[in-house]
C-alpha atoms as a PDB file:
ATOM      1  CA  MET A   1     152.021  12.876-144.012  1.00  0.00           C
ATOM      2  CA  GLN A   2     152.245  10.723-140.936  1.00  0.00           C
ATOM      3  CA  GLY A   3     149.467  10.115-138.778  1.00  0.00           C
ATOM      4  CA  SER A   4     145.981  10.211-139.462  1.00  0.00           C
ATOM      5  CA  THR A   5     145.014  10.664-142.976  1.00  0.00           C
ATOM      6  CA  LYS A   6     141.205  11.563-142.601  1.00  0.00           C
ATOM      7  CA  PRO A   7     141.172  15.517-141.663  1.00  0.00           C
ATOM      8  CA  VAL A   8     139.199  16.635-139.180  1.00  0.00           C
ATOM      9  CA  GLN A   9     135.793  18.213-140.657  1.00  0.00           C
ATOM     10  CA  GLY A  10     136.787  21.939-141.808  1.00  0.00           C
ATOM     11  CA  ALA A  11     140.570  21.676-141.213  1.00  0.00           C
ATOM     12  CA  GLN A  12     141.691  20.564-144.311  1.00  0.00           C
ATOM     13  CA  SER A  13     144.025  23.548-145.199  1.00  0.00           C
ATOM     14  CA  ILE A  14     145.702  22.766-141.665  1.00  0.00           C
ATOM     15  CA  TYR A  15     146.185  19.313-142.716  1.00  0.00           C
ATOM     16  CA  ARG A  16     147.898  20.402-146.314  1.00  0.00           C
ATOM     17  CA  ALA A  17     149.977  22.942-144.477  1.00  0.00           C
ATOM     18  CA  PHE A  18     151.554  20.519-141.937  1.00  0.00           C
ATOM     19  CA  GLN A  19     151.729  18.155-145.015  1.00  0.00           C
ATOM     20  CA  LEU A  20     153.991  20.695-146.970  1.00  0.00           C
ATOM     21  CA  LEU A  21     155.881  21.657-144.161  1.00  0.00           C
ATOM     22  CA  GLU A  22     157.203  17.707-143.430  1.00  0.00           C
ATOM     23  CA  CYS A  23     158.123  17.547-146.752  1.00  0.00           C
ATOM     24  CA  VAL A  24     160.037  20.676-146.502  1.00  0.00           C
ATOM     25  CA  PHE A  25     162.069  19.185-143.564  1.00  0.00           C
ATOM     26  CA  GLU A  26     162.336  15.888-145.221  1.00  0.00           C
ATOM     27  CA  LEU A  27     164.120  17.599-148.372  1.00  0.00           C
ATOM     28  CA  SER A  28     166.093  19.700-145.964  1.00  0.00           C
ATOM     29  CA  GLU A  29     168.601  20.422-148.335  1.00  0.00           C
ATOM     30  CA  GLY A  30     165.684  22.370-150.549  1.00  0.00           C
ATOM     31  CA  ALA A  31     162.923  21.592-152.963  1.00  0.00           C
ATOM     32  CA  THR A  32     161.191  23.369-155.766  1.00  0.00           C
ATOM     33  CA  LEU A  33     157.487  24.030-155.738  1.00  0.00           C
ATOM     34  CA  ALA A  34     157.369  21.071-158.331  1.00  0.00           C
ATOM     35  CA  GLU A  35     159.229  18.546-156.357  1.00  0.00           C
ATOM     36  CA  LEU A  36     157.294  19.343-153.084  1.00  0.00           C
ATOM     37  CA  CYS A  37     153.868  18.918-155.236  1.00  0.00           C
ATOM     38  CA  ARG A  38     155.195  15.560-156.262  1.00  0.00           C
ATOM     39  CA  GLN A  39     156.046  14.819-152.603  1.00  0.00           C
ATOM     40  CA  SER A  40     152.998  15.739-151.221  1.00  0.00           C
ATOM     41  CA  GLY A  41     150.546  15.132-153.963  1.00  0.00           C
ATOM     42  CA  LEU A  42     149.146  18.614-153.698  1.00  0.00           C
ATOM     43  CA  ASN A  43     148.243  20.828-156.977  1.00  0.00           C
ATOM     44  CA  SER A  44     150.917  23.744-157.888  1.00  0.00           C
ATOM     45  CA  SER A  45     148.388  26.474-156.974  1.00  0.00           C
ATOM     46  CA  THR A  46     147.241  25.161-153.436  1.00  0.00           C
ATOM     47  CA  ALA A  47     151.192  24.384-152.578  1.00  0.00           C
ATOM     48  CA  PHE A  48     152.305  27.673-153.605  1.00  0.00           C
ATOM     49  CA  ARG A  49     149.440  29.517-151.509  1.00  0.00           C
ATOM     50  CA  ILE A  50     150.238  27.513-148.313  1.00  0.00           C
ATOM     51  CA  LEU A  51     154.001  28.074-148.605  1.00  0.00           C
ATOM     52  CA  ALA A  52     153.468  31.537-149.022  1.00  0.00           C
ATOM     53  CA  VAL A  53     151.812  31.773-145.541  1.00  0.00           C
ATOM     54  CA  LEU A  54     154.624  29.290-144.433  1.00  0.00           C
ATOM     55  CA  GLU A  55     157.217  31.197-145.646  1.00  0.00           C
ATOM     56  CA  ASP A  56     155.441  34.794-144.043  1.00  0.00           C
ATOM     57  CA  LEU A  57     155.389  33.131-140.927  1.00  0.00           C
ATOM     58  CA  GLY A  58     159.124  32.056-140.656  1.00  0.00           C
ATOM     59  CA  TYR A  59     158.430  28.029-141.072  1.00  0.00           C
ATOM     60  CA  VAL A  60     159.925  27.807-144.638  1.00  0.00           C
ATOM     61  CA  ARG A  61     162.544  30.058-146.305  1.00  0.00           C
ATOM     62  CA  LYS A  62     162.276  30.481-150.331  1.00  0.00           C
ATOM     63  CA  GLY A  63     165.888  31.598-151.622  1.00  0.00           C
ATOM     64  CA  ASP A  64     166.623  33.366-154.808  1.00  0.00           C
ATOM     65  CA  ASP A  65     167.041  30.142-156.727  1.00  0.00           C
ATOM     66  CA  ASP A  66     163.133  29.628-155.994  1.00  0.00           C
ATOM     67  CA  VAL A  67     164.124  26.501-153.734  1.00  0.00           C
ATOM     68  CA  TYR A  68     162.117  25.877-150.513  1.00  0.00           C
ATOM     69  CA  ARG A  69     164.338  25.170-147.181  1.00  0.00           C
ATOM     70  CA  PRO A  70     163.407  24.970-143.578  1.00  0.00           C
ATOM     71  CA  GLY A  71     162.985  28.122-141.946  1.00  0.00           C
ATOM     72  CA  PHE A  72     163.983  29.031-138.155  1.00  0.00           C
ATOM     73  CA  LYS A  73     160.821  29.202-136.538  1.00  0.00           C
ATOM     74  CA  PRO A  74     160.573  25.854-135.756  1.00  0.00           C
ATOM     75  CA  LEU A  75     163.881  25.853-134.122  1.00  0.00           C
ATOM     76  CA  LEU A  76     162.794  28.921-131.730  1.00  0.00           C
ATOM     77  CA  LEU A  77     159.616  26.832-130.453  1.00  0.00           C
ATOM     78  CA  THR A  78     161.966  23.824-129.785  1.00  0.00           C
ATOM     79  CA  GLU A  79     164.073  26.012-127.715  1.00  0.00           C
ATOM     80  CA  LYS A  80     160.958  27.245-126.082  1.00  0.00           C
ATOM     81  CA  LEU A  81     159.620  23.430-125.355  1.00  0.00           C
ATOM     82  CA  PHE A  82     163.153  22.581-123.892  1.00  0.00           C
ATOM     83  CA  ASP A  83     162.725  25.520-121.523  1.00  0.00           C
ATOM     84  CA  THR A  84     159.622  24.601-120.246  1.00  0.00           C
ATOM     85  CA  LEU A  85     160.447  21.208-119.450  1.00  0.00           C
ATOM     86  CA  ASP A  86     160.706  20.404-115.735  1.00  0.00           C
ATOM     87  CA  VAL A  87     163.871  19.231-114.723  1.00  0.00           C
ATOM     88  CA  ARG A  88     162.554  17.850-111.456  1.00  0.00           C
ATOM     89  CA  SER A  89     160.226  15.427-113.343  1.00  0.00           C
ATOM     90  CA  VAL A  90     162.952  14.483-115.946  1.00  0.00           C
ATOM     91  CA  ALA A  91     165.607  13.799-113.482  1.00  0.00           C
ATOM     92  CA  HIS A  92     163.708  11.969-110.625  1.00  0.00           C
ATOM     93  CA  PRO A  93     163.584   8.413-112.098  1.00  0.00           C
ATOM     94  CA  ILE A  94     167.133   9.077-112.757  1.00  0.00           C
ATOM     95  CA  LEU A  95     167.972   9.914-109.333  1.00  0.00           C
ATOM     96  CA  LYS A  96     165.994   7.329-107.853  1.00  0.00           C
ATOM     97  CA  GLU A  97     168.214   4.674-110.126  1.00  0.00           C
ATOM     98  CA  LEU A  98     171.359   6.385-108.632  1.00  0.00           C
ATOM     99  CA  SER A  99     170.238   6.060-105.462  1.00  0.00           C
ATOM    100  CA  HIS A 100     169.559   2.558-105.816  1.00  0.00           C
ATOM    101  CA  GLN A 101     173.094   1.778-107.634  1.00  0.00           C
ATOM    102  CA  THR A 102     174.963   3.586-104.875  1.00  0.00           C
ATOM    103  CA  LYS A 103     172.961   3.020-101.666  1.00  0.00           C
ATOM    104  CA  GLU A 104     173.478   6.602-100.726  1.00  0.00           C
ATOM    105  CA  VAL A 105     171.201   9.641-100.653  1.00  0.00           C
ATOM    106  CA  CYS A 106     170.731  11.603-103.858  1.00  0.00           C
ATOM    107  CA  HIS A 107     169.823  15.357-104.023  1.00  0.00           C
ATOM    108  CA  LEU A 108     168.705  17.225-107.080  1.00  0.00           C
ATOM    109  CA  VAL A 109     169.501  21.243-106.659  1.00  0.00           C
ATOM    110  CA  ILE A 110     169.176  24.541-108.258  1.00  0.00           C
ATOM    111  CA  ARG A 111     170.315  27.946-106.903  1.00  0.00           C
ATOM    112  CA  ASP A 112     167.952  30.615-105.877  1.00  0.00           C
ATOM    113  CA  GLY A 113     169.999  33.891-105.446  1.00  0.00           C
ATOM    114  CA  LEU A 114     172.897  33.366-102.640  1.00  0.00           C
ATOM    115  CA  GLU A 115     171.660  29.828-101.604  1.00  0.00           C
ATOM    116  CA  ALA A 116     170.967  26.496-103.248  1.00  0.00           C
ATOM    117  CA  VAL A 117     167.838  25.012-103.044  1.00  0.00           C
ATOM    118  CA  TYR A 118     166.902  21.256-102.766  1.00  0.00           C
ATOM    119  CA  ILE A 119     164.338  20.526-105.310  1.00  0.00           C
ATOM    120  CA  ASP A 120     164.465  16.677-104.926  1.00  0.00           C
ATOM    121  CA  LYS A 121     165.938  13.744-102.476  1.00  0.00           C
ATOM    122  CA  VAL A 122     166.110  10.518-103.033  1.00  0.00           C
ATOM    123  CA  GLU A 123     167.327   8.180-100.175  1.00  0.00           C
ATOM    124  CA  ASP A 124     168.163   4.468-100.056  1.00  0.00           C
ATOM    125  CA  ASN A 125     166.166   2.616 -97.213  1.00  0.00           C
ATOM    126  CA  SER A 126     169.177   0.123 -96.810  1.00  0.00           C
ATOM    127  CA  GLN A 127     171.321   2.617 -94.774  1.00  0.00           C
ATOM    128  CA  THR A 128     170.802   3.381 -91.068  1.00  0.00           C
ATOM    129  CA  ILE A 129     172.263   6.750 -91.004  1.00  0.00           C
ATOM    130  CA  ARG A 130     169.707   9.253 -92.295  1.00  0.00           C
ATOM    131  CA  MET A 131     170.619  12.998 -94.123  1.00  0.00           C
ATOM    132  CA  HIS A 132     168.918  15.658 -92.286  1.00  0.00           C
ATOM    133  CA  SER A 133     168.312  17.200 -95.846  1.00  0.00           C
ATOM    134  CA  ARG A 134     164.866  17.689 -97.143  1.00  0.00           C
ATOM    135  CA  VAL A 135     163.111  19.191-100.325  1.00  0.00           C
ATOM    136  CA  GLY A 136     162.666  23.147-100.053  1.00  0.00           C
ATOM    137  CA  LYS A 137     165.704  23.171 -97.481  1.00  0.00           C
ATOM    138  CA  ARG A 138     168.429  25.735 -98.366  1.00  0.00           C
ATOM    139  CA  ALA A 139     172.270  25.380 -98.094  1.00  0.00           C
ATOM    140  CA  PRO A 140     174.808  27.719 -98.493  1.00  0.00           C
ATOM    141  CA  LEU A 141     176.982  27.859-102.273  1.00  0.00           C
ATOM    142  CA  HIS A 142     180.601  28.165-100.930  1.00  0.00           C
ATOM    143  CA  CYS A 143     180.575  24.724 -98.788  1.00  0.00           C
ATOM    144  CA  THR A 144     178.337  22.708-100.355  1.00  0.00           C
ATOM    145  CA  ALA A 145     179.515  20.276-103.237  1.00  0.00           C
ATOM    146  CA  VAL A 146     176.244  21.211-104.972  1.00  0.00           C
ATOM    147  CA  GLY A 147     176.936  24.844-104.463  1.00  0.00           C
ATOM    148  CA  LYS A 148     180.196  24.936-105.893  1.00  0.00           C
ATOM    149  CA  VAL A 149     178.801  23.441-108.996  1.00  0.00           C
ATOM    150  CA  LEU A 150     176.491  25.882-109.229  1.00  0.00           C
ATOM    151  CA  LEU A 151     178.659  28.932-108.663  1.00  0.00           C
ATOM    152  CA  ALA A 152     181.180  27.307-111.498  1.00  0.00           C
ATOM    153  CA  GLY A 153     178.264  27.096-113.935  1.00  0.00           C
ATOM    154  CA  MET A 154     177.681  30.894-113.936  1.00  0.00           C
ATOM    155  CA  ASP A 155     179.361  33.263-116.420  1.00  0.00           C
ATOM    156  CA  ASP A 156     182.149  35.333-115.153  1.00  0.00           C
ATOM    157  CA  ASP A 157     180.192  38.496-114.875  1.00  0.00           C
ATOM    158  CA  SER A 158     177.406  36.713-113.186  1.00  0.00           C
ATOM    159  CA  LEU A 159     179.797  35.168-110.788  1.00  0.00           C
ATOM    160  CA  GLU A 160     181.685  38.423-109.782  1.00  0.00           C
ATOM    161  CA  LYS A 161     178.832  40.216-109.036  1.00  0.00           C
ATOM    162  CA  ILE A 162     177.538  37.442-106.500  1.00  0.00           C
ATOM    163  CA  LEU A 163     181.137  36.207-105.060  1.00  0.00           C
ATOM    164  CA  PRO A 164     181.211  39.482-102.557  1.00  0.00           C
ATOM    165  CA  ARG A 165     177.800  38.949-101.425  1.00  0.00           C
ATOM    166  CA  LEU A 166     178.246  35.583-100.123  1.00  0.00           C
ATOM    167  CA  GLU A 167     178.597  35.286 -96.178  1.00  0.00           C
ATOM    168  CA  LEU A 168     181.551  32.905 -96.159  1.00  0.00           C
ATOM    169  CA  LYS A 169     180.086  31.407 -92.752  1.00  0.00           C
ATOM    170  CA  ARG A 170     182.063  28.995 -91.084  1.00  0.00           C
ATOM    171  CA  PHE A 171     180.579  25.380 -90.456  1.00  0.00           C
ATOM    172  CA  THR A 172     183.219  22.852 -89.686  1.00  0.00           C
ATOM    173  CA  GLU A 173     186.959  23.219 -89.558  1.00  0.00           C
ATOM    174  CA  ASN A 174     187.236  22.542 -93.238  1.00  0.00           C
ATOM    175  CA  THR A 175     184.889  25.220 -94.335  1.00  0.00           C
ATOM    176  CA  ILE A 176     186.107  27.854 -97.231  1.00  0.00           C
ATOM    177  CA  THR A 177     186.503  31.155 -95.678  1.00  0.00           C
ATOM    178  CA  THR A 178     188.112  33.051 -98.268  1.00  0.00           C
ATOM    179  CA  LEU A 179     187.002  34.507-101.438  1.00  0.00           C
ATOM    180  CA  GLU A 180     190.671  33.639-102.787  1.00  0.00           C
ATOM    181  CA  HIS A 181     190.254  30.071-101.686  1.00  0.00           C
ATOM    182  CA  LEU A 182     186.746  29.924-103.091  1.00  0.00           C
ATOM    183  CA  ARG A 183     187.600  31.220-106.469  1.00  0.00           C
ATOM    184  CA  ALA A 184     190.766  28.584-106.857  1.00  0.00           C
ATOM    185  CA  GLU A 185     187.907  25.849-105.825  1.00  0.00           C
ATOM    186  CA  ILE A 186     185.439  27.132-108.666  1.00  0.00           C
ATOM    187  CA  ASP A 187     188.415  27.172-110.863  1.00  0.00           C
ATOM    188  CA  ARG A 188     189.067  23.445-109.986  1.00  0.00           C
ATOM    189  CA  VAL A 189     185.156  22.351-110.303  1.00  0.00           C
ATOM    190  CA  ARG A 190     185.234  24.191-113.979  1.00  0.00           C
ATOM    191  CA  ARG A 191     188.580  22.073-115.033  1.00  0.00           C
ATOM    192  CA  ASP A 192     187.567  18.918-113.482  1.00  0.00           C
ATOM    193  CA  GLY A 193     183.486  18.848-114.229  1.00  0.00           C
ATOM    194  CA  TYR A 194     182.433  18.288-110.396  1.00  0.00           C
ATOM    195  CA  ALA A 195     182.762  19.278-107.117  1.00  0.00           C
ATOM    196  CA  LEU A 196     183.506  17.716-103.676  1.00  0.00           C
ATOM    197  CA  ASP A 197     182.249  18.400-100.018  1.00  0.00           C
ATOM    198  CA  ARG A 198     185.178  17.247 -97.924  1.00  0.00           C
ATOM    199  CA  SER A 199     182.747  17.705 -94.536  1.00  0.00           C
ATOM    200  CA  GLU A 200     183.089  21.383 -95.105  1.00  0.00           C
ATOM    201  CA  HIS A 201     178.793  21.970 -94.409  1.00  0.00           C
ATOM    202  CA  GLU A 202     178.393  19.039 -91.877  1.00  0.00           C
ATOM    203  CA  ASP A 203     180.930  17.010 -89.903  1.00  0.00           C
ATOM    204  CA  PHE A 204     181.485  13.468 -91.158  1.00  0.00           C
ATOM    205  CA  ILE A 205     179.024  14.109 -94.419  1.00  0.00           C
ATOM    206  CA  LYS A 206     180.916  14.218 -97.612  1.00  0.00           C
ATOM    207  CA  CYS A 207     179.298  15.012-100.854  1.00  0.00           C
ATOM    208  CA  VAL A 208     180.210  14.794-104.876  1.00  0.00           C
ATOM    209  CA  ALA A 209     178.169  16.643-106.964  1.00  0.00           C
ATOM    210  CA  ALA A 210     178.008  17.120-110.929  1.00  0.00           C
ATOM    211  CA  PRO A 211     175.882  19.829-113.282  1.00  0.00           C
ATOM    212  CA  VAL A 212     173.036  18.979-115.161  1.00  0.00           C
ATOM    213  CA  TYR A 213     172.954  21.251-118.436  1.00  0.00           C
ATOM    214  CA  ASP A 214     169.916  22.608-120.643  1.00  0.00           C
ATOM    215  CA  ALA A 215     169.243  22.755-124.017  1.00  0.00           C
ATOM    216  CA  HIS A 216     171.676  25.908-124.357  1.00  0.00           C
ATOM    217  CA  HIS A 217     174.413  23.860-122.540  1.00  0.00           C
ATOM    218  CA  ALA A 218     174.030  26.026-119.603  1.00  0.00           C
ATOM    219  CA  VAL A 219     173.905  25.089-116.132  1.00  0.00           C
ATOM    220  CA  LYS A 220     170.336  24.095-115.158  1.00  0.00           C
ATOM    221  CA  ALA A 221     170.809  22.232-111.655  1.00  0.00           C
ATOM    222  CA  ALA A 222     173.336  19.946-109.981  1.00  0.00           C
ATOM    223  CA  ILE A 223     172.973  16.322-108.608  1.00  0.00           C
ATOM    224  CA  SER A 224     174.803  15.284-105.689  1.00  0.00           C
ATOM    225  CA  ILE A 225     175.384  12.054-103.740  1.00  0.00           C
ATOM    226  CA  SER A 226     176.021  12.269-100.038  1.00  0.00           C
ATOM    227  CA  VAL A 227     178.003   9.880 -97.997  1.00  0.00           C
ATOM    228  CA  PRO A 228     178.523   9.642 -94.552  1.00  0.00           C
ATOM    229  CA  ALA A 229     182.765  10.106 -94.199  1.00  0.00           C
ATOM    230  CA  ILE A 230     182.816   6.648 -92.368  1.00  0.00           C
ATOM    231  CA  ARG A 231     181.245   5.092 -95.706  1.00  0.00           C
ATOM    232  CA  PHE A 232     183.712   7.649 -98.029  1.00  0.00           C
ATOM    233  CA  PRO A 233     187.360   6.172 -98.264  1.00  0.00           C
ATOM    234  CA  PRO A 234     189.049   7.963-101.038  1.00  0.00           C
ATOM    235  CA  GLU A 235     189.092   4.598-103.153  1.00  0.00           C
ATOM    236  CA  ARG A 236     185.493   4.934-103.577  1.00  0.00           C
ATOM    237  CA  GLU A 237     185.283   8.366-105.108  1.00  0.00           C
ATOM    238  CA  PRO A 238     186.067   7.033-108.848  1.00  0.00           C
ATOM    239  CA  GLN A 239     183.121   4.794-108.712  1.00  0.00           C
ATOM    240  CA  LEU A 240     180.691   6.835-107.406  1.00  0.00           C
ATOM    241  CA  LEU A 241     181.905   9.696-109.762  1.00  0.00           C
ATOM    242  CA  GLU A 242     181.414   7.421-112.395  1.00  0.00           C
ATOM    243  CA  MET A 243     177.954   6.716-111.544  1.00  0.00           C
ATOM    244  CA  LEU A 244     177.002  10.532-110.693  1.00  0.00           C
ATOM    245  CA  LEU A 245     178.293  11.661-114.187  1.00  0.00           C
ATOM    246  CA  ASP A 246     176.698   8.992-116.141  1.00  0.00           C
ATOM    247  CA  SER A 247     173.349  10.054-114.500  1.00  0.00           C
ATOM    248  CA  CYS A 248     173.857  13.979-114.973  1.00  0.00           C
ATOM    249  CA  GLN A 249     174.585  13.198-118.986  1.00  0.00           C
ATOM    250  CA  LYS A 250     171.450  11.305-118.961  1.00  0.00           C
ATOM    251  CA  VAL A 251     169.380  14.186-117.405  1.00  0.00           C
ATOM    252  CA  SER A 252     170.882  16.624-119.724  1.00  0.00           C
ATOM    253  CA  LYS A 253     170.339  14.679-122.909  1.00  0.00           C
ATOM    254  CA  GLN A 254     166.840  14.721-121.980  1.00  0.00           C
ATOM    255  CA  LEU A 255     166.819  18.503-121.442  1.00  0.00           C
ATOM    256  CA  GLY A 256     168.023  18.827-124.651  1.00  0.00           C
ATOM    257  CA  ASP A 257     171.670  19.037-123.926  1.00  0.00           C
ATOM    258  CA  LEU A 258     173.869  17.750-127.212  1.00  0.00           C
ATOM    259  CA  HIS A 259     177.157  18.808-126.017  1.00  0.00           C
ATOM    260  CA  HIS A 260     178.198  15.451-124.306  1.00  0.00           C
ATOM    261  CA  LYS A 261     180.088  12.987-126.456  1.00  0.00           C
END
């Protein structure tokens, strides 16, 4: 067993249990009682009693062949651990690096009901044009890059329940104002893996956004790069997109998503 070899007073049985549990996972293809005793150094009667408790709790499985294998309880605990990870604390240093690379404002956004909510913002100090966004500010879903990403990440049933409830308010001459157009845009975001805001929410501001996934490969949040239109010529889009997708992948991996190549 890794770590301290000197058990806390009165907790020797707990150490032995974890020692056996680690042996079972190291021999993940399965091990007999005798093999586990050799691996752990425990006698058969002690090992058998501990394994019976671990089996009862779901930490190990004993097959009809009397071979012990890892149980599913640790997997459930791992999922709960990933669920408790704070996406903001995980994403913040990556968001800072992205802002430093692009010299632009970067946001981390989640969905709350019918709106997007900015939960983090990093602004590079080298630029003179400032964004009016702030942490805690709410934004519409239909005309922001982050909002489109969050909508695209919903399952079809949930999406169809929320779409008719959205107020497709016009903010600029480029704002999407029909459900038909919005559905087509969501399909494009799902296909391409990112979204654009072509001065649809604010005049002279363009954004590109992409999803952050959790351990279940569900969209947990969105990260965006907001750029004054004067600094966002078409030829800059691929460069920003590459850095954005790389950053989103880094955050997703730290949240437990293993689906990215």
